């Protein structure tokens, strides 16, 4: 597991675990907790935003500490994950 620096990332990891077990109620619970935490918006030009949002990465704090392997496990392609990590490092 990649580094968990914020409550948002902790809740996001819990969401991903709930999704693996196909527990939609638990997923919704962790999603509500994640979304209740403050966060900084990703820049409008940030690469693969739709793919990131589909996997719950909606704020900078959700990505901070992630690595490409985590993003691939979450559902992004290797290329998308590499682009995201590079773009985040450049912020």
N, C-alpha and C. Protein backbone atom coordinates (compact mmCIF):
# COMPACT_ATOMS: atom_id res chain seq x y z
N UNK A 1 0.85 -1.18 0.00
CA UNK A 1 0.00 0.00 0.00
C UNK A 1 0.89 1.23 0.00
N UNK A 2 0.52 2.21 -0.81
CA UNK A 2 1.26 3.46 -0.87
C UNK A 2 1.02 4.25 0.42
N UNK A 3 1.77 5.30 0.57
CA UNK A 3 1.71 6.11 1.78
C UNK A 3 0.34 6.76 1.96
N UNK A 4 -0.14 6.75 3.18
CA UNK A 4 -1.42 7.39 3.52
C UNK A 4 -1.10 8.60 4.37
N UNK A 5 -1.17 9.78 3.74
CA UNK A 5 -0.77 11.02 4.41
C UNK A 5 -1.94 11.79 5.01
N UNK A 6 -3.15 11.52 4.55
CA UNK A 6 -4.30 12.31 4.97
C UNK A 6 -5.49 11.41 5.29
N UNK A 7 -6.44 11.97 6.01
CA UNK A 7 -7.69 11.24 6.29
C UNK A 7 -8.40 10.91 4.98
N UNK A 8 -8.35 11.82 4.02
CA UNK A 8 -9.00 11.55 2.73
C UNK A 8 -8.43 10.28 2.10
N UNK A 9 -7.12 10.10 2.14
CA UNK A 9 -6.50 8.89 1.55
C UNK A 9 -6.87 7.65 2.36
N UNK A 10 -6.92 7.77 3.66
CA UNK A 10 -7.33 6.65 4.49
C UNK A 10 -8.74 6.19 4.10
N UNK A 11 -9.65 7.14 4.00
CA UNK A 11 -11.03 6.80 3.64
C UNK A 11 -11.10 6.27 2.21
N UNK A 12 -10.30 6.81 1.33
CA UNK A 12 -10.27 6.32 -0.05
C UNK A 12 -9.80 4.86 -0.09
N UNK A 13 -8.78 4.53 0.68
CA UNK A 13 -8.32 3.13 0.74
C UNK A 13 -9.42 2.23 1.27
N UNK A 14 -10.14 2.70 2.25
CA UNK A 14 -11.26 1.92 2.79
C UNK A 14 -12.34 1.73 1.71
N UNK A 15 -12.59 2.76 0.92
CA UNK A 15 -13.56 2.65 -0.19
C UNK A 15 -13.12 1.58 -1.17
N UNK A 16 -11.84 1.59 -1.53
CA UNK A 16 -11.33 0.61 -2.48
C UNK A 16 -11.45 -0.81 -1.92
N UNK A 17 -11.19 -0.96 -0.63
CA UNK A 17 -11.33 -2.29 -0.02
C UNK A 17 -12.79 -2.73 -0.04
N UNK A 18 -13.70 -1.82 0.27
CA UNK A 18 -15.13 -2.16 0.25
C UNK A 18 -15.56 -2.56 -1.16
N UNK A 19 -15.04 -1.87 -2.16
CA UNK A 19 -15.37 -2.19 -3.55
C UNK A 19 -14.86 -3.58 -3.92
N UNK A 20 -13.67 -3.93 -3.44
CA UNK A 20 -13.12 -5.26 -3.71
C UNK A 20 -14.04 -6.35 -3.17
N UNK A 21 -14.66 -6.08 -2.02
CA UNK A 21 -15.56 -7.04 -1.41
C UNK A 21 -17.01 -6.85 -1.86
N UNK A 22 -17.19 -5.95 -2.83
CA UNK A 22 -18.51 -5.66 -3.40
C UNK A 22 -19.52 -5.28 -2.33
N UNK A 23 -19.07 -4.48 -1.37
CA UNK A 23 -19.93 -4.01 -0.28
C UNK A 23 -20.28 -2.55 -0.55
N UNK A 24 -21.36 -2.34 -1.27
CA UNK A 24 -21.72 -0.98 -1.69
C UNK A 24 -22.12 -0.10 -0.51
N UNK A 25 -22.74 -0.67 0.52
CA UNK A 25 -23.11 0.15 1.68
C UNK A 25 -21.87 0.68 2.39
N UNK A 26 -20.89 -0.19 2.57
CA UNK A 26 -19.65 0.23 3.22
C UNK A 26 -18.90 1.23 2.34
N UNK A 27 -18.91 1.00 1.04
CA UNK A 27 -18.30 1.93 0.09
C UNK A 27 -18.92 3.32 0.24
N UNK A 28 -20.24 3.38 0.31
CA UNK A 28 -20.93 4.66 0.45
C UNK A 28 -20.59 5.34 1.79
N UNK A 29 -20.42 4.55 2.83
CA UNK A 29 -20.07 5.11 4.14
C UNK A 29 -18.69 5.76 4.08
N UNK A 30 -17.71 5.04 3.53
CA UNK A 30 -16.36 5.58 3.44
C UNK A 30 -16.31 6.76 2.46
N UNK A 31 -17.10 6.70 1.41
CA UNK A 31 -17.14 7.82 0.45
C UNK A 31 -17.64 9.08 1.14
N UNK A 32 -18.69 8.95 1.95
CA UNK A 32 -19.22 10.12 2.66
C UNK A 32 -18.17 10.71 3.60
N UNK A 33 -17.43 9.84 4.28
CA UNK A 33 -16.37 10.32 5.17
C UNK A 33 -15.27 11.03 4.38
N UNK A 34 -14.88 10.43 3.25
CA UNK A 34 -13.85 11.03 2.42
C UNK A 34 -14.30 12.41 1.93
N UNK A 35 -15.49 12.47 1.41
CA UNK A 35 -15.97 13.73 0.84
C UNK A 35 -16.23 14.80 1.89
N UNK A 36 -16.40 14.39 3.15
CA UNK A 36 -16.60 15.36 4.22
C UNK A 36 -15.29 16.04 4.63
N UNK A 37 -14.17 15.42 4.28
CA UNK A 37 -12.86 15.99 4.60
C UNK A 37 -12.52 17.09 3.60
N UNK A 38 -11.92 18.18 4.07
CA UNK A 38 -11.53 19.24 3.14
C UNK A 38 -10.40 18.76 2.22
N UNK A 39 -10.34 19.40 1.07
CA UNK A 39 -9.29 19.08 0.12
C UNK A 39 -9.14 20.17 -0.92
N UNK A 40 -8.00 20.16 -1.57
CA UNK A 40 -7.70 21.14 -2.62
C UNK A 40 -8.03 20.54 -3.98
N UNK A 41 -8.71 21.31 -4.79
CA UNK A 41 -9.10 20.84 -6.12
C UNK A 41 -7.87 20.60 -6.99
N UNK A 42 -7.99 19.62 -7.85
CA UNK A 42 -6.95 19.40 -8.85
C UNK A 42 -7.06 20.50 -9.90
N UNK A 43 -5.96 20.90 -10.50
CA UNK A 43 -6.02 21.91 -11.55
C UNK A 43 -6.92 21.44 -12.70
N UNK A 44 -7.54 22.37 -13.35
CA UNK A 44 -8.47 22.05 -14.44
C UNK A 44 -7.80 21.25 -15.55
N UNK A 45 -6.53 21.49 -15.78
CA UNK A 45 -5.79 20.85 -16.87
C UNK A 45 -5.20 19.49 -16.46
N UNK A 46 -5.41 19.05 -15.25
CA UNK A 46 -4.76 17.84 -14.74
C UNK A 46 -5.13 16.63 -15.60
N UNK A 47 -4.14 15.79 -15.94
CA UNK A 47 -4.41 14.67 -16.86
C UNK A 47 -5.32 13.59 -16.25
N UNK A 48 -6.15 13.04 -17.09
CA UNK A 48 -6.99 11.88 -16.77
C UNK A 48 -7.92 12.11 -15.59
N UNK A 49 -8.46 13.33 -15.50
CA UNK A 49 -9.34 13.64 -14.37
C UNK A 49 -10.56 12.75 -14.31
N UNK A 50 -11.16 12.45 -15.45
CA UNK A 50 -12.36 11.60 -15.45
C UNK A 50 -12.04 10.21 -14.90
N UNK A 51 -10.90 9.64 -15.32
CA UNK A 51 -10.50 8.32 -14.83
C UNK A 51 -10.20 8.38 -13.33
N UNK A 52 -9.55 9.44 -12.88
CA UNK A 52 -9.26 9.60 -11.46
C UNK A 52 -10.54 9.72 -10.65
N UNK A 53 -11.44 10.57 -11.10
CA UNK A 53 -12.69 10.79 -10.37
C UNK A 53 -13.51 9.51 -10.29
N UNK A 54 -13.49 8.72 -11.35
CA UNK A 54 -14.24 7.46 -11.35
C UNK A 54 -13.74 6.50 -10.26
N UNK A 55 -12.48 6.68 -9.85
CA UNK A 55 -11.89 5.81 -8.82
C UNK A 55 -11.80 6.50 -7.46
N UNK A 56 -12.38 7.71 -7.34
CA UNK A 56 -12.43 8.40 -6.06
C UNK A 56 -11.34 9.40 -5.79
N UNK A 57 -10.46 9.63 -6.76
CA UNK A 57 -9.37 10.60 -6.60
C UNK A 57 -9.85 11.96 -7.12
N UNK A 58 -10.44 12.75 -6.24
CA UNK A 58 -11.03 14.02 -6.67
C UNK A 58 -10.28 15.25 -6.17
N UNK A 59 -9.41 15.08 -5.20
CA UNK A 59 -8.67 16.20 -4.63
C UNK A 59 -7.18 15.87 -4.59
N UNK A 60 -6.37 16.90 -4.43
CA UNK A 60 -4.92 16.70 -4.35
C UNK A 60 -4.54 15.74 -3.22
N UNK A 61 -5.24 15.88 -2.10
CA UNK A 61 -4.93 15.05 -0.94
C UNK A 61 -5.21 13.56 -1.20
N UNK A 62 -6.05 13.26 -2.15
CA UNK A 62 -6.34 11.86 -2.50
C UNK A 62 -5.17 11.23 -3.25
N UNK A 63 -4.42 12.04 -3.95
CA UNK A 63 -3.30 11.54 -4.76
C UNK A 63 -1.98 11.62 -4.01
N UNK A 64 -1.85 12.57 -3.09
CA UNK A 64 -0.59 12.78 -2.38
C UNK A 64 -0.18 11.52 -1.63
N UNK A 65 0.91 10.91 -2.05
CA UNK A 65 1.41 9.69 -1.45
C UNK A 65 1.13 8.46 -2.30
N UNK A 66 0.30 8.61 -3.33
CA UNK A 66 0.00 7.48 -4.22
C UNK A 66 1.19 7.21 -5.13
N UNK A 67 1.30 5.98 -5.58
CA UNK A 67 2.28 5.64 -6.59
C UNK A 67 1.54 5.05 -7.79
N UNK A 68 2.27 4.82 -8.86
CA UNK A 68 1.65 4.32 -10.08
C UNK A 68 0.98 2.97 -9.86
N UNK A 69 1.60 2.11 -9.06
CA UNK A 69 1.02 0.79 -8.81
C UNK A 69 -0.36 0.89 -8.14
N UNK A 70 -0.49 1.81 -7.19
CA UNK A 70 -1.79 2.01 -6.53
C UNK A 70 -2.83 2.45 -7.55
N UNK A 71 -2.47 3.41 -8.39
CA UNK A 71 -3.43 3.92 -9.37
C UNK A 71 -3.84 2.85 -10.38
N UNK A 72 -2.91 2.00 -10.74
CA UNK A 72 -3.24 0.89 -11.65
C UNK A 72 -4.19 -0.09 -10.95
N UNK A 73 -3.91 -0.41 -9.70
CA UNK A 73 -4.82 -1.29 -8.94
C UNK A 73 -6.20 -0.67 -8.83
N UNK A 74 -6.26 0.65 -8.77
CA UNK A 74 -7.54 1.34 -8.65
C UNK A 74 -8.33 1.35 -9.97
N UNK A 75 -7.64 1.10 -11.08
CA UNK A 75 -8.36 1.03 -12.35
C UNK A 75 -7.81 1.87 -13.48
N UNK A 76 -6.77 2.65 -13.23
CA UNK A 76 -6.16 3.41 -14.31
C UNK A 76 -5.22 2.52 -15.11
N UNK A 77 -4.95 2.90 -16.33
CA UNK A 77 -3.96 2.18 -17.11
C UNK A 77 -2.57 2.58 -16.61
N UNK A 78 -1.57 1.80 -17.00
CA UNK A 78 -0.20 2.14 -16.59
C UNK A 78 0.18 3.51 -17.11
N UNK A 79 -0.17 3.80 -18.35
CA UNK A 79 0.15 5.10 -18.95
C UNK A 79 -0.54 6.24 -18.19
N UNK A 80 -1.82 6.07 -17.89
CA UNK A 80 -2.54 7.09 -17.13
C UNK A 80 -1.90 7.30 -15.77
N UNK A 81 -1.57 6.21 -15.09
CA UNK A 81 -0.97 6.31 -13.77
C UNK A 81 0.36 7.04 -13.82
N UNK A 82 1.17 6.73 -14.81
CA UNK A 82 2.46 7.41 -14.97
C UNK A 82 2.27 8.89 -15.23
N UNK A 83 1.31 9.21 -16.09
CA UNK A 83 1.01 10.64 -16.38
C UNK A 83 0.57 11.37 -15.12
N UNK A 84 -0.29 10.74 -14.34
CA UNK A 84 -0.82 11.38 -13.12
C UNK A 84 0.31 11.62 -12.12
N UNK A 85 1.14 10.62 -11.89
CA UNK A 85 2.24 10.78 -10.94
C UNK A 85 3.19 11.89 -11.38
N UNK A 86 3.50 11.94 -12.66
CA UNK A 86 4.39 12.98 -13.19
C UNK A 86 3.76 14.36 -13.04
N UNK A 87 2.48 14.46 -13.36
CA UNK A 87 1.80 15.76 -13.25
C UNK A 87 1.69 16.19 -11.80
N UNK A 88 1.45 15.26 -10.90
CA UNK A 88 1.34 15.61 -9.48
C UNK A 88 2.68 16.09 -8.95
N UNK A 89 3.74 15.45 -9.37
CA UNK A 89 5.08 15.86 -8.93
C UNK A 89 5.42 17.26 -9.39
N UNK A 90 4.84 17.67 -10.53
CA UNK A 90 5.11 18.99 -11.10
C UNK A 90 4.26 20.10 -10.47
N UNK A 91 3.29 19.74 -9.64
CA UNK A 91 2.43 20.78 -9.03
C UNK A 91 3.21 21.60 -8.04
